[in-house]
Protein backbone atom coordinates (compact mmCIF):
# COMPACT_ATOMS: atom_id res chain seq x y z
CA MET A 1 0.01 -0.01 0.05
CA CYS A 2 2.79 2.37 0.81
CA GLN A 3 4.41 1.68 -2.54
CA SER A 4 1.17 2.42 -4.51
CA MET A 5 0.62 5.51 -2.74
CA VAL A 6 4.15 6.74 -3.49
CA ASN A 7 3.42 5.90 -7.20
CA ILE A 8 0.15 7.71 -7.08
CA GLN A 9 1.69 10.77 -5.39
CA SER A 10 4.61 10.72 -7.64
CA PRO A 11 2.77 11.89 -10.80
CA THR A 12 1.16 14.64 -8.92
CA ALA A 13 4.31 15.73 -7.26
CA GLU A 14 5.94 15.64 -10.73
CA ILE A 15 3.34 17.98 -12.24
CA ARG A 16 3.73 20.27 -9.22
CA ARG A 17 7.45 20.39 -9.57
CA GLY A 18 7.14 21.09 -13.18
CA LYS A 19 4.64 24.01 -12.70
CA LYS A 20 7.02 25.27 -10.00
CA LYS A 21 10.01 25.09 -12.46
CA LYS A 22 8.04 26.86 -15.24
CA LYS A 23 6.98 29.56 -12.83
CA GLU A 24 10.60 30.05 -11.66
CA GLU A 25 11.76 30.08 -15.23
CA GLU A 26 9.14 32.68 -16.15
CA GLU A 27 10.17 34.76 -13.18
CA ARG A 28 13.71 34.40 -14.11
CA ARG A 29 13.02 35.43 -17.76
CA ASN A 30 10.99 38.46 -16.64
CA SER A 31 13.78 39.55 -14.17
CA MET A 32 16.13 39.40 -17.06
CA LYS A 33 13.93 41.36 -19.39
CA ILE A 34 13.74 44.13 -16.77
CA LEU A 35 17.47 44.02 -16.22
CA TRP A 36 18.06 44.17 -20.03
CA SER A 37 15.54 47.08 -20.47
CA ALA A 38 17.20 48.89 -17.63
CA LEU A 39 20.71 48.31 -19.16
CA LEU A 40 19.51 49.54 -22.47
CA HIS A 41 17.88 52.65 -21.04
CA ARG A 42 21.21 53.31 -19.23
CA VAL A 43 23.13 52.97 -22.39
CA THR A 44 20.78 55.19 -24.31
CA ILE A 45 21.19 57.83 -21.61
CA MET A 46 24.90 57.49 -21.67
CA SER A 47 25.28 57.78 -25.44
CA GLU A 48 23.02 60.92 -25.38
CA ILE A 49 25.23 62.51 -22.57
CA GLU A 50 28.32 61.42 -24.75
CA SER A 51 26.93 63.13 -27.89
CA VAL A 52 26.17 66.29 -25.97
CA VAL A 53 29.71 66.33 -24.50
CA ASN A 54 31.19 65.67 -27.82
CA ASN A 55 29.11 68.45 -29.43
CA LYS A 56 30.37 70.86 -26.77
CA GLN A 57 33.96 69.84 -27.31
CA SER A 58 33.70 70.10 -30.94
CA ARG A 59 32.27 73.60 -30.63
CA GLU A 60 35.18 74.55 -28.38
CA VAL A 61 37.63 73.07 -30.76
CA GLU A 62 35.96 74.94 -33.63
CA GLN A 63 36.09 78.19 -31.60
CA ASP A 64 39.75 77.51 -30.74
CA VAL A 65 40.62 77.03 -34.42
CA ILE A 66 38.82 80.11 -35.50
CA THR A 67 40.66 82.18 -33.05
CA ASP A 68 44.06 80.60 -33.88
CA GLU A 69 43.18 81.26 -37.65
CA GLU A 70 42.56 85.04 -36.81
CA ASN A 71 45.81 85.27 -34.95
CA HIS A 72 47.87 83.90 -37.83
CA CYS A 73 49.53 86.25 -40.31
CA ALA A 74 51.92 85.84 -43.22
CA ALA A 75 55.34 85.14 -41.90
CA VAL A 76 57.00 85.65 -45.25
CA GLN A 77 56.78 88.85 -47.30
CA THR A 78 56.96 88.25 -51.05
CA THR A 79 58.73 90.64 -53.37
CA ALA A 80 55.24 91.68 -54.83
CA MET A 81 54.10 92.49 -51.21
CA LYS A 82 57.29 94.52 -50.55
CA VAL A 83 56.73 96.58 -53.87
CA LYS A 84 53.05 97.12 -52.93
CA GLU A 85 53.94 98.32 -49.49
CA GLY A 86 56.31 100.88 -50.89
CA LYS A 87 53.74 102.49 -53.29
CA SER A 88 51.08 104.94 -52.22
CA GLN A 89 47.51 103.92 -52.77
CA LYS A 90 45.68 105.70 -55.63
CA PRO A 91 42.74 107.86 -54.38
CA LEU A 92 39.17 106.46 -55.34
CA LYS A 93 37.61 108.10 -58.26
CA VAL A 94 34.29 109.67 -57.36
CA THR A 95 32.03 111.91 -59.42
CA THR A 96 31.58 115.40 -58.04
CA ILE A 97 28.14 116.84 -57.74
CA PRO A 98 27.95 120.62 -57.79
CA GLY A 99 26.38 121.96 -54.55
CA LEU A 100 27.73 119.05 -52.46
CA ASP A 101 31.00 120.81 -51.56
CA ILE A 102 29.81 120.53 -47.83
CA GLY A 103 30.74 118.40 -44.83
CA PRO A 104 28.67 115.37 -43.61
CA GLU A 105 27.16 117.50 -40.63
CA GLN A 106 25.85 120.22 -42.88
CA LEU A 107 24.44 117.45 -45.31
CA ILE A 108 22.60 115.77 -42.42
CA GLU A 109 21.09 119.18 -41.45
CA GLN A 110 19.80 119.91 -45.04
CA GLN A 111 18.30 116.55 -45.29
CA GLN A 112 16.45 117.04 -42.00
CA THR A 113 15.13 120.37 -43.03
CA ASP A 114 14.14 119.30 -46.54
CA GLU A 115 10.33 118.99 -46.69
CA THR A 116 10.47 116.53 -49.73
CA LEU A 117 12.40 113.91 -47.69
CA LYS A 118 9.96 113.68 -44.85
CA LYS A 119 7.39 110.89 -44.73
């Protein structure tokens, strides 16, 4: 009788153990999914932070390059540059308009008093 009971209980116990194993396996999978999603979220945040830092560093490098370029000048003076430096510059050719032989202050005054230029 004892042996038959063991045999009867054995399949039930096997089913229970199988269900328990399945439940444990499912819980383990769920916890792994949670861990992977948390890890993926962390990696995403870290990559966003890294891209922001890289953008800031690249802007700083660009500004440094621009300021370095502004500070550079020609270290060598060619013969053409020496010749050009020695010559005086030609004055600009402008057409003269009769009646405008006045200074800028006087021209501004005349423009302000002229009725045809007002809105």
